[in-house]
C-alpha atoms as a PDB file:
ATOM      1  CA  MET A   1       7.608 -11.971 -11.426  1.00  0.00           C
ATOM      2  CA  ILE A   2       8.916 -10.469  -8.193  1.00  0.00           C
ATOM      3  CA  TRP A   3       7.711  -6.987  -9.127  1.00  0.00           C
ATOM      4  CA  LEU A   4       4.308  -8.317 -10.143  1.00  0.00           C
ATOM      5  CA  LEU A   5       3.946 -10.002  -6.745  1.00  0.00           C
ATOM      6  CA  LEU A   6       5.011  -6.851  -4.920  1.00  0.00           C
ATOM      7  CA  SER A   7       2.595  -4.765  -7.002  1.00  0.00           C
ATOM      8  CA  ALA A   8      -0.219  -7.175  -6.152  1.00  0.00           C
ATOM      9  CA  ALA A   9       0.686  -6.876  -2.464  1.00  0.00           C
ATOM     10  CA  ILE A  10       0.501  -3.083  -2.671  1.00  0.00           C
ATOM     11  CA  VAL A  11      -2.814  -3.020  -4.549  1.00  0.00           C
ATOM     12  CA  CYS A  12      -4.409  -5.545  -2.182  1.00  0.00           C
ATOM     13  CA  GLU A  13      -3.196  -3.684   0.906  1.00  0.00           C
ATOM     14  CA  VAL A  14      -4.477  -0.337  -0.355  1.00  0.00           C
ATOM     15  CA  GLY A  15      -7.797  -1.900  -1.375  1.00  0.00           C
ATOM     16  CA  ALA A  16      -8.184  -3.540   2.030  1.00  0.00           C
ATOM     17  CA  THR A  17      -7.398  -0.284   3.814  1.00  0.00           C
ATOM     18  CA  LEU A  18      -9.952   1.608   1.717  1.00  0.00           C
ATOM     19  CA  CYS A  19     -12.547  -1.059   2.500  1.00  0.00           C
ATOM     20  CA  LEU A  20     -11.670  -0.691   6.184  1.00  0.00           C
ATOM     21  CA  ARG A  21     -12.515   3.004   5.851  1.00  0.00           C
ATOM     22  CA  MET A  22     -15.839   2.052   4.264  1.00  0.00           C
ATOM     23  CA  ALA A  23     -16.530  -0.434   7.067  1.00  0.00           C
ATOM     24  CA  SER A  24     -15.896   2.217   9.712  1.00  0.00           C
ATOM     25  CA  MET A  25     -18.309   4.757   8.251  1.00  0.00           C
ATOM     26  CA  GLU A  26     -21.531   5.444  10.082  1.00  0.00           C
ATOM     27  CA  GLY A  27     -24.283   3.121   8.905  1.00  0.00           C
ATOM     28  CA  ALA A  28     -21.851   0.843   7.061  1.00  0.00           C
ATOM     29  CA  LYS A  29     -22.840  -2.747   6.485  1.00  0.00           C
ATOM     30  CA  PRO A  30     -20.707  -5.475   8.079  1.00  0.00           C
ATOM     31  CA  ILE A  31     -20.126  -6.951   4.609  1.00  0.00           C
ATOM     32  CA  TRP A  32     -17.269  -4.442   4.159  1.00  0.00           C
ATOM     33  CA  TYR A  33     -15.165  -6.490   6.589  1.00  0.00           C
ATOM     34  CA  ALA A  34     -14.987  -9.401   4.131  1.00  0.00           C
ATOM     35  CA  PRO A  35     -12.878  -7.533   1.533  1.00  0.00           C
ATOM     36  CA  VAL A  36     -10.791  -6.099   4.385  1.00  0.00           C
ATOM     37  CA  GLY A  37      -9.791  -9.556   5.581  1.00  0.00           C
ATOM     38  CA  LEU A  38      -9.366 -10.968   2.088  1.00  0.00           C
ATOM     39  CA  GLY A  39      -7.356  -7.959   0.913  1.00  0.00           C
ATOM     40  CA  TYR A  40      -4.911  -8.130   3.810  1.00  0.00           C
ATOM     41  CA  LEU A  41      -4.586 -11.905   3.421  1.00  0.00           C
ATOM     42  CA  LEU A  42      -3.769 -11.516  -0.281  1.00  0.00           C
ATOM     43  CA  ALA A  43      -1.423  -8.605   0.433  1.00  0.00           C
ATOM     44  CA  PHE A  44       0.656 -10.545   2.956  1.00  0.00           C
ATOM     45  CA  THR A  45       0.611 -13.662   0.793  1.00  0.00           C
ATOM     46  CA  SER A  46       1.844 -11.715  -2.242  1.00  0.00           C
ATOM     47  CA  LEU A  47       4.505 -10.004  -0.154  1.00  0.00           C
ATOM     48  CA  ALA A  48       5.667 -13.356   1.230  1.00  0.00           C
ATOM     49  CA  LEU A  49       5.832 -14.802  -2.275  1.00  0.00           C
ATOM     50  CA  ALA A  50       7.918 -11.844  -3.481  1.00  0.00           C
ATOM     51  CA  LEU A  51      10.304 -12.436  -0.581  1.00  0.00           C
ATOM     52  CA  GLY A  52      10.351 -16.148  -1.365  1.00  0.00           C
ATOM     53  CA  HIS A  53      11.382 -15.373  -4.926  1.00  0.00           C
ATOM     54  CA  GLY A  54      14.438 -13.485  -3.693  1.00  0.00           C
ATOM     55  CA  MET A  55      13.427  -9.862  -3.192  1.00  0.00           C
ATOM     56  CA  PRO A  56      15.395  -8.422  -0.251  1.00  0.00           C
ATOM     57  CA  LEU A  57      13.237  -7.763   2.819  1.00  0.00           C
ATOM     58  CA  GLY A  58      14.322  -4.130   3.254  1.00  0.00           C
ATOM     59  CA  VAL A  59      13.535  -3.289  -0.345  1.00  0.00           C
ATOM     60  CA  ALA A  60      10.232  -5.185  -0.424  1.00  0.00           C
ATOM     61  CA  TYR A  61       8.928  -3.830   2.860  1.00  0.00           C
ATOM     62  CA  GLY A  62      10.112  -0.296   2.164  1.00  0.00           C
ATOM     63  CA  ILE A  63       8.434  -0.135  -1.218  1.00  0.00           C
ATOM     64  CA  TRP A  64       5.294  -1.915   0.025  1.00  0.00           C
ATOM     65  CA  ALA A  65       4.840   0.371   3.011  1.00  0.00           C
ATOM     66  CA  ALA A  66       5.751   3.614   1.248  1.00  0.00           C
ATOM     67  CA  ALA A  67       3.640   2.948  -1.830  1.00  0.00           C
ATOM     68  CA  GLY A  68       0.761   1.929   0.413  1.00  0.00           C
ATOM     69  CA  VAL A  69       0.905   5.189   2.353  1.00  0.00           C
ATOM     70  CA  ALA A  70       1.167   7.328  -0.776  1.00  0.00           C
ATOM     71  CA  LEU A  71      -1.561   5.530  -2.732  1.00  0.00           C
ATOM     72  CA  THR A  72      -3.927   5.359   0.242  1.00  0.00           C
ATOM     73  CA  ALA A  73      -3.593   9.114   0.820  1.00  0.00           C
ATOM     74  CA  LEU A  74      -4.189   9.924  -2.846  1.00  0.00           C
ATOM     75  CA  VAL A  75      -7.115   7.557  -3.347  1.00  0.00           C
ATOM     76  CA  SER A  76      -8.788   8.489  -0.050  1.00  0.00           C
ATOM     77  CA  HIS A  77      -8.617  12.131  -1.127  1.00  0.00           C
ATOM     78  CA  TRP A  78     -10.383  11.209  -4.346  1.00  0.00           C
ATOM     79  CA  LEU A  79     -12.906   8.721  -2.889  1.00  0.00           C
ATOM     80  CA  PHE A  80     -13.644  10.180   0.546  1.00  0.00           C
ATOM     81  CA  LYS A  81     -12.783  13.838  -0.059  1.00  0.00           C
ATOM     82  CA  GLU A  82     -10.182  13.660   2.710  1.00  0.00           C
ATOM     83  CA  ARG A  83      -7.846  16.598   3.055  1.00  0.00           C
ATOM     84  CA  LEU A  84      -4.614  16.536   1.047  1.00  0.00           C
ATOM     85  CA  THR A  85      -2.429  19.555   1.762  1.00  0.00           C
ATOM     86  CA  ARG A  86       0.690  20.763  -0.008  1.00  0.00           C
ATOM     87  CA  THR A  87       2.715  19.528   2.933  1.00  0.00           C
ATOM     88  CA  MET A  88       1.175  16.079   2.556  1.00  0.00           C
ATOM     89  CA  LEU A  89       1.915  16.107  -1.179  1.00  0.00           C
ATOM     90  CA  ALA A  90       5.507  17.068  -0.421  1.00  0.00           C
ATOM     91  CA  GLY A  91       5.660  14.133   1.980  1.00  0.00           C
ATOM     92  CA  ILE A  92       4.377  11.800  -0.724  1.00  0.00           C
ATOM     93  CA  GLY A  93       7.078  13.168  -3.021  1.00  0.00           C
ATOM     94  CA  LEU A  94       9.697  12.468  -0.350  1.00  0.00           C
ATOM     95  CA  ILE A  95       8.334   8.935   0.031  1.00  0.00           C
ATOM     96  CA  ILE A  96       8.778   8.378  -3.705  1.00  0.00           C
ATOM     97  CA  VAL A  97      12.341   9.709  -3.593  1.00  0.00           C
ATOM     98  CA  GLY A  98      13.081   7.558  -0.553  1.00  0.00           C
ATOM     99  CA  VAL A  99      11.791   4.413  -2.233  1.00  0.00           C
ATOM    100  CA  LEU A 100      13.907   5.152  -5.309  1.00  0.00           C
ATOM    101  CA  LEU A 101      16.988   5.630  -3.129  1.00  0.00           C
ATOM    102  CA  VAL A 102      16.364   2.350  -1.290  1.00  0.00           C
ATOM    103  CA  GLU A 103      15.973   0.536  -4.601  1.00  0.00           C
ATOM    104  CA  LEU A 104      19.097   2.104  -6.097  1.00  0.00           C
ATOM    105  CA  GLY A 105      21.058   1.386  -2.929  1.00  0.00           C
ATOM    106  CA  ALA A 106      20.024  -2.267  -2.969  1.00  0.00           C
ATOM    107  CA  ARG A 107      21.552  -2.745  -6.425  1.00  0.00           C
ATOM    108  CA  HIS A 108      25.085  -2.121  -5.098  1.00  0.00           C
END
């Protein structure tokens, strides 16, 4: 259940951030701000619930933030044709390794 809540927090945060990008585009309709607010509300609620169910704060926040950065970069490259260099991909790889190390370290 904890991992499901954390996954929901990540998906909602990434979705809200992508909608924020849509809202900031030239000629965008103000309606895009509704999913931004709702997405961030659901993201923080899901994160709080994961913490309430016993997930350690350092693990939860580290995974939430790192996964959010990595997924947002990848999806924005696909959706908005934003630049994604080899250096950025290496950084995403380092984020993944870092998250794994935090998770493994928390088990001891």
